[in-house]
Amino acid sequence: MKFAYEDLSDKQFEHLIILICQKLLGIGVQGFSEGTDGGRDAKFVGTAELHPSKAAPWAGTIIVQAKHTNGYNRSFSETDFYSIDSNSNVIAEEILRIKKLRDNQELDHYMLFANRRLAGNAESDIRKLISSECTIPIGSIYLCGIEQLELLLKTFPEVPKMAEIDPIDSPLIVSPDNLAEIVQALARSLKAPRLSKGDPPVSRVTYAQKNRLNNMTSEYAAELIDRYLKDTMQIQRFLADPSNLEIMSMYVDVTEEFQLKIIAKRKNYQSFDDVMNYLRDLLLSRDAVLRQRLHKRLTYAILFYMYWNCDIGQNTNAQTH
């Protein structure tokens, strides 16, 4: 069984890693819990059953980290995860946490699991960096990417069944593919002579009323207006152009997918600020086209247009009495 790891929630991925570690280390692996610094660690104290081998197992306190991303085809080598030129990445933040644990004599060995590809040179470089910065022997550091995860799940084929991954518990996941095509087409149109200006389209309910219905904060709503309202007429005219009929069809498909999944997956306590931020971050993490500088801003603008135009989010027409 091969998981689409990017479609799991953080908790589902953590649960999967716990089950794997119970096989490698022992049943005494304690689940992920939040530390004083906000990080979530799993821990095993004792002598490992199988890791790194039966003949020479680790002994002492083993700290386990699971780093999950919803992005497609990501790697350990990307700068958000590892960079020697920046302190703003996953590995740099982990090093700070490892140092604290070492200073408090709460870590002898370290394991990091991530649903990212791990090339041999990156594996060697990251282990050396952690070893030198945290005074841990290289042999006491283990990094596991997707390739090794697949091998471990083949070695322990019972683990996927034990994980009981339920699709209903998965996060709000939407496909960026059609949106990327829409953004690219809109970006090309912006290089042509500007369309005549006009008033922005009027949403089917007032903006203030829609914000109340969807629990969007007034500060966030005002910021969206300031940044993206000026783009709505350009987007509307572009989609209404008869020569863009195929793009308009894609837009309808995209908004239908987004709306149905928002309804199904949005938690009652979440503000729509959270939904918009989550969609934006998810789309950018899953598509390189959308991460391009011009395309990134257009992605934000189109998400706002969807909301403003009542294509996503609750409105009075959707209510039943």
Protein backbone atom coordinates (compact mmCIF):
# COMPACT_ATOMS: atom_id res chain seq x y z
CA MET A 1 0.00 0.00 0.00
CA LYS A 2 1.37 3.40 -0.97
CA PHE A 3 0.11 6.46 0.84
CA ALA A 4 -0.48 9.85 -0.71
CA TYR A 5 1.37 11.33 2.27
CA GLU A 6 0.62 14.90 1.20
CA ASP A 7 -3.12 14.22 1.59
CA LEU A 8 -2.78 13.11 5.22
CA SER A 9 -3.33 15.52 8.09
CA ASP A 10 -0.45 16.29 10.43
CA LYS A 11 -1.99 14.04 13.10
CA GLN A 12 -2.48 11.16 10.65
CA PHE A 13 1.16 11.40 9.58
CA GLU A 14 2.30 11.52 13.21
CA HIS A 15 0.22 8.43 13.98
CA LEU A 16 1.82 6.58 11.09
CA ILE A 17 5.32 7.53 12.32
CA ILE A 18 4.51 6.41 15.87
CA LEU A 19 3.51 2.96 14.60
CA ILE A 20 6.70 2.68 12.56
CA CYS A 21 8.81 3.75 15.54
CA GLN A 22 7.11 1.22 17.79
CA LYS A 23 8.35 -1.43 15.36
CA LEU A 24 11.88 0.00 15.16
CA LEU A 25 12.36 1.01 18.78
CA GLY A 26 9.74 -0.69 20.92
CA ILE A 27 6.17 -0.49 22.12
CA GLY A 28 7.20 2.08 24.72
CA VAL A 29 7.38 4.91 22.19
CA GLN A 30 5.40 7.80 23.65
CA GLY A 31 3.19 9.70 21.23
CA PHE A 32 3.71 13.22 19.95
CA SER A 33 3.11 15.89 22.57
CA GLU A 34 3.71 19.62 22.50
CA GLY A 35 6.78 20.84 24.32
CA THR A 36 7.37 24.17 26.04
CA ASP A 37 8.82 25.59 22.82
CA GLY A 38 5.80 24.59 20.75
CA GLY A 39 7.49 21.66 19.02
CA ARG A 40 5.89 18.22 18.99
CA ASP A 41 8.17 15.33 19.88
CA ALA A 42 7.74 11.61 20.38
CA LYS A 43 10.11 9.88 22.79
CA PHE A 44 11.52 6.45 23.58
CA VAL A 45 13.68 5.67 26.61
CA GLY A 46 15.51 2.34 26.70
CA THR A 47 17.25 0.05 24.23
CA ALA A 48 15.86 -0.04 20.70
CA GLU A 49 14.69 -3.37 19.35
CA LEU A 50 15.81 -2.99 15.74
CA HIS A 51 17.35 0.43 15.12
CA PRO A 52 19.86 0.87 13.69
CA SER A 53 20.31 -2.91 13.99
CA LYS A 54 19.65 -5.76 16.38
CA ALA A 55 23.38 -6.24 16.84
CA ALA A 56 24.09 -2.60 17.75
CA PRO A 57 20.86 -0.93 18.90
CA TRP A 58 20.59 2.62 20.16
CA ALA A 59 20.26 2.95 23.94
CA GLY A 60 19.17 5.96 25.96
CA THR A 61 16.66 8.71 25.18
CA ILE A 62 15.54 8.83 21.55
CA ILE A 63 13.63 11.87 20.35
CA VAL A 64 11.46 11.53 17.21
CA GLN A 65 10.21 14.37 15.02
CA ALA A 66 7.63 14.10 12.19
CA LYS A 67 7.52 16.96 9.69
CA HIS A 68 4.53 16.80 7.36
CA THR A 69 3.74 18.96 4.34
CA ASN A 70 0.70 19.02 2.05
CA GLY A 71 2.98 19.90 -0.86
CA TYR A 72 3.55 17.60 -3.84
CA ASN A 73 7.00 16.20 -4.58
CA ARG A 74 8.86 18.26 -1.98
CA SER A 75 12.42 17.55 -0.86
CA PHE A 76 14.72 17.97 2.14
CA SER A 77 16.92 20.21 -0.03
CA GLU A 78 14.36 23.00 -0.50
CA THR A 79 15.28 26.21 1.30
CA ASP A 80 12.16 26.21 3.50
CA PHE A 81 13.40 22.93 4.97
CA TYR A 82 17.20 23.20 4.89
CA SER A 83 19.57 26.02 4.04
CA ILE A 84 23.02 26.89 5.36
CA ASP A 85 22.41 30.53 4.44
CA SER A 86 19.32 31.10 6.57
CA ASN A 87 18.04 30.50 10.09
CA SER A 88 14.45 30.53 8.87
CA ASN A 89 13.91 26.89 7.92
CA VAL A 90 12.84 23.62 9.52
CA ILE A 91 16.34 22.25 10.18
CA ALA A 92 17.60 25.51 11.70
CA GLU A 93 14.63 25.60 14.07
CA GLU A 94 15.12 21.94 14.93
CA ILE A 95 18.78 22.53 15.78
CA LEU A 96 17.78 25.13 18.37
CA ARG A 97 15.37 22.66 19.95
CA ILE A 98 17.89 19.79 19.87
CA LYS A 99 20.48 21.97 21.60
CA LYS A 100 18.06 22.69 24.46
CA LEU A 101 17.29 18.99 24.86
CA ARG A 102 21.01 18.14 24.82
CA ASP A 103 21.76 20.84 27.41
CA ASN A 104 19.09 19.33 29.65
CA GLN A 105 20.41 15.79 29.03
CA GLU A 106 17.07 14.81 27.47
CA LEU A 107 18.36 13.55 24.11
CA ASP A 108 20.91 10.89 23.16
CA HIS A 109 19.68 10.02 19.67
CA TYR A 110 17.55 11.91 17.14
CA MET A 111 15.17 10.75 14.39
CA LEU A 112 13.50 13.01 11.82
CA PHE A 113 10.76 11.71 9.49
CA ALA A 114 9.35 13.84 6.66
CA ASN A 115 7.17 13.18 3.61
CA ARG A 116 9.86 14.67 1.37
CA ARG A 117 12.41 13.17 -0.99
CA LEU A 118 15.84 12.75 0.60
CA ALA A 119 18.86 12.62 -1.70
CA GLY A 120 22.09 11.09 -0.43
CA ASN A 121 24.08 14.35 -0.45
CA ALA A 122 21.35 16.23 1.44
CA GLU A 123 21.12 13.41 3.99
CA SER A 124 24.87 13.56 4.59
CA ASP A 125 25.00 17.37 4.78
CA ILE A 126 22.08 17.68 7.21
CA ARG A 127 23.38 14.96 9.52
CA LYS A 128 26.83 16.60 9.60
CA LEU A 129 25.27 19.98 10.39
CA ILE A 130 23.13 18.63 13.23
CA SER A 131 26.09 16.65 14.58
CA SER A 132 28.45 19.63 14.64
CA GLU A 133 25.90 22.13 15.97
CA CYS A 134 24.43 19.88 18.66
CA THR A 135 27.44 17.72 19.62
CA ILE A 136 25.67 14.48 18.66
CA PRO A 137 27.59 11.64 17.00
CA ILE A 138 26.61 11.29 13.35
CA GLY A 139 25.69 7.67 14.09
CA SER A 140 23.04 8.89 16.53
CA ILE A 141 21.15 10.89 13.89
CA TYR A 142 18.61 9.31 11.52
CA LEU A 143 16.80 11.09 8.70
CA CYS A 144 13.92 9.40 6.88
CA GLY A 145 12.34 10.60 3.64
CA ILE A 146 9.63 9.17 1.42
CA GLU A 147 11.94 6.59 -0.17
CA GLN A 148 12.86 5.06 3.19
CA LEU A 149 9.28 5.35 4.44
CA GLU A 150 8.15 3.16 1.56
CA LEU A 151 10.77 0.54 2.45
CA LEU A 152 9.74 0.59 6.10
CA LEU A 153 6.09 0.08 5.22
CA LYS A 154 7.07 -2.90 3.06
CA THR A 155 9.12 -4.28 5.95
CA PHE A 156 6.17 -3.80 8.32
CA PRO A 157 3.14 -4.38 6.05
CA GLU A 158 0.81 -4.53 9.06
CA VAL A 159 1.43 -0.86 9.90
CA PRO A 160 -0.84 0.68 7.21
CA LYS A 161 -3.75 -1.42 8.46
CA MET A 162 -3.00 -0.47 12.06
CA ALA A 163 -2.89 3.22 11.06
CA GLU A 164 -6.59 3.13 10.04
CA ILE A 165 -6.21 6.22 7.90
CA ASP A 166 -9.73 7.54 7.41
CA PRO A 167 -10.25 9.83 4.38
CA ILE A 168 -13.07 11.58 6.24
CA ASP A 169 -10.53 12.80 8.81
CA SER A 170 -8.20 14.19 6.15
CA PRO A 171 -7.68 17.95 5.82
CA LEU A 172 -9.18 20.31 3.27
CA ILE A 173 -7.20 19.34 0.16
CA VAL A 174 -7.90 20.91 -3.23
CA SER A 175 -6.19 20.46 -6.58
CA PRO A 176 -4.16 23.42 -7.91
CA ASP A 177 -3.97 22.17 -11.51
CA ASN A 178 -6.89 24.02 -13.13
CA LEU A 179 -6.28 27.11 -11.03
CA ALA A 180 -2.68 27.19 -12.27
CA GLU A 181 -3.93 27.24 -15.87
CA ILE A 182 -6.36 30.06 -15.05
CA VAL A 183 -3.62 32.09 -13.37
CA GLN A 184 -1.23 31.58 -16.29
CA ALA A 185 -3.88 32.67 -18.79
CA LEU A 186 -4.78 35.72 -16.72
CA ALA A 187 -1.09 36.62 -16.38
CA ARG A 188 -0.72 36.53 -20.17
CA SER A 189 -3.75 38.80 -20.59
CA LEU A 190 -2.23 41.35 -18.22
CA LYS A 191 0.68 41.80 -20.64
CA ALA A 192 -1.80 42.88 -23.33
CA PRO A 193 -3.28 46.42 -23.38
CA ARG A 194 -5.22 47.07 -20.19
CA LEU A 195 -8.96 46.59 -20.30
CA SER A 196 -11.06 49.66 -19.61
CA LYS A 197 -11.66 50.30 -15.96
CA GLY A 198 -15.01 50.05 -14.33
CA ASP A 199 -16.66 49.45 -11.00
CA PRO A 200 -15.97 46.09 -9.37
CA PRO A 201 -18.69 43.47 -9.68
CA VAL A 202 -21.31 43.60 -6.98
CA SER A 203 -21.47 40.47 -4.85
CA ARG A 204 -24.83 38.72 -4.45
CA VAL A 205 -24.96 39.70 -0.80
CA THR A 206 -23.24 42.73 0.72
CA TYR A 207 -19.61 42.24 1.65
CA ALA A 208 -20.32 43.03 5.30
CA GLN A 209 -23.19 40.53 5.43
CA LYS A 210 -21.10 37.83 3.74
CA ASN A 211 -18.31 38.40 6.27
CA ARG A 212 -20.75 37.92 9.15
CA LEU A 213 -22.16 34.74 7.62
CA ASN A 214 -18.70 33.28 7.15
CA ASN A 215 -17.10 34.51 10.37
CA MET A 216 -14.45 36.59 8.62
CA THR A 217 -12.92 39.23 10.88
CA SER A 218 -13.36 42.88 9.94
CA GLU A 219 -9.59 43.49 9.95
CA TYR A 220 -8.93 40.63 7.53
CA ALA A 221 -11.84 41.62 5.29
CA ALA A 222 -10.61 45.21 5.11
CA GLU A 223 -7.10 44.06 4.20
CA LEU A 224 -8.47 41.93 1.35
CA ILE A 225 -10.42 44.91 0.03
CA ASP A 226 -7.37 47.16 0.15
CA ARG A 227 -5.14 44.67 -1.64
CA TYR A 228 -7.36 42.94 -4.20
CA LEU A 229 -10.61 44.83 -4.87
CA LYS A 230 -8.94 46.71 -7.73
CA ASP A 231 -8.30 43.38 -9.49
CA THR A 232 -11.87 42.09 -9.47
CA MET A 233 -13.08 43.94 -12.58
CA GLN A 234 -10.07 42.74 -14.59
CA ILE A 235 -10.74 39.15 -13.53
CA GLN A 236 -14.48 39.43 -14.22
CA ARG A 237 -13.98 40.81 -17.73
CA PHE A 238 -11.31 38.25 -18.49
CA LEU A 239 -13.60 35.37 -17.50
CA ALA A 240 -16.56 36.88 -19.37
CA ASP A 241 -14.62 37.24 -22.63
CA PRO A 242 -16.10 34.71 -25.14
CA SER A 243 -12.57 33.79 -26.26
CA ASN A 244 -11.89 32.55 -22.72
CA LEU A 245 -14.81 30.12 -22.59
CA GLU A 246 -12.55 27.17 -21.75
CA ILE A 247 -10.91 29.13 -18.94
CA MET A 248 -14.34 30.09 -17.61
CA SER A 249 -15.31 26.42 -17.61
CA MET A 250 -12.17 25.64 -15.59
CA TYR A 251 -13.06 28.44 -13.17
CA VAL A 252 -16.51 26.93 -12.61
CA ASP A 253 -14.94 23.52 -11.94
CA VAL A 254 -12.41 25.01 -9.54
CA THR A 255 -14.96 26.97 -7.52
CA GLU A 256 -17.28 23.96 -7.35
CA GLU A 257 -14.47 21.79 -5.96
CA PHE A 258 -13.35 24.46 -3.49
CA GLN A 259 -16.86 25.22 -2.26
CA LEU A 260 -17.90 21.60 -1.72
CA LYS A 261 -14.68 20.75 0.09
CA ILE A 262 -14.86 23.88 2.24
CA ILE A 263 -18.39 22.89 3.30
CA ALA A 264 -17.32 19.31 4.04
CA LYS A 265 -13.99 19.98 5.76
CA ARG A 266 -14.30 23.35 7.46
CA LYS A 267 -14.46 23.07 11.23
CA ASN A 268 -17.19 24.99 13.02
CA TYR A 269 -14.73 27.05 15.06
CA GLN A 270 -12.65 28.22 12.11
CA SER A 271 -12.89 31.78 10.87
CA PHE A 272 -12.90 32.29 7.11
CA ASP A 273 -9.59 34.10 7.60
CA ASP A 274 -8.16 30.66 8.41
CA VAL A 275 -9.81 29.08 5.36
CA MET A 276 -8.43 31.71 2.98
CA ASN A 277 -4.94 31.50 4.44
CA TYR A 278 -5.01 27.72 4.36
CA LEU A 279 -6.15 27.60 0.72
CA ARG A 280 -3.49 30.10 -0.30
CA ASP A 281 -0.67 28.26 1.47
CA LEU A 282 -1.86 24.86 0.26
CA LEU A 283 -2.11 25.94 -3.37
CA LEU A 284 1.34 27.54 -3.36
CA SER A 285 2.92 24.52 -1.68
CA ARG A 286 1.45 22.12 -4.23
CA ASP A 287 2.18 23.94 -7.50
CA ALA A 288 5.42 25.54 -8.68
CA VAL A 289 3.60 27.66 -11.27
CA LEU A 290 1.52 29.36 -8.59
CA ARG A 291 4.66 30.06 -6.53
CA GLN A 292 6.11 32.32 -9.24
CA ARG A 293 6.18 35.96 -8.14
CA LEU A 294 3.49 37.37 -10.47
CA HIS A 295 1.41 34.20 -10.31
CA LYS A 296 1.51 34.20 -6.50
CA ARG A 297 -0.20 37.58 -6.31
CA LEU A 298 -2.77 36.59 -8.94
CA THR A 299 -3.53 33.45 -6.94
CA TYR A 300 -4.39 35.63 -3.93
CA ALA A 301 -6.45 37.95 -6.12
CA ILE A 302 -8.48 35.11 -7.67
CA LEU A 303 -9.18 33.58 -4.25
CA PHE A 304 -10.50 36.97 -3.14
CA TYR A 305 -12.59 37.23 -6.33
CA MET A 306 -14.12 33.81 -5.61
CA TYR A 307 -15.11 34.99 -2.15
CA TRP A 308 -16.26 38.47 -3.23
CA ASN A 309 -18.33 36.99 -6.06
CA CYS A 310 -19.96 34.47 -3.67
CA ASP A 311 -18.48 31.47 -5.49
CA ILE A 312 -16.99 30.20 -2.23
CA GLY A 313 -18.23 30.71 1.30
CA GLN A 314 -21.74 30.84 2.70
CA ASN A 315 -24.28 33.34 1.40
CA THR A 316 -27.99 33.86 2.02
CA ASN A 317 -28.94 31.83 -1.05
CA ALA A 318 -27.34 28.77 0.52
CA GLN A 319 -29.33 28.98 3.75
CA THR A 320 -32.35 26.82 4.43
CA HIS A 321 -35.16 27.75 6.78
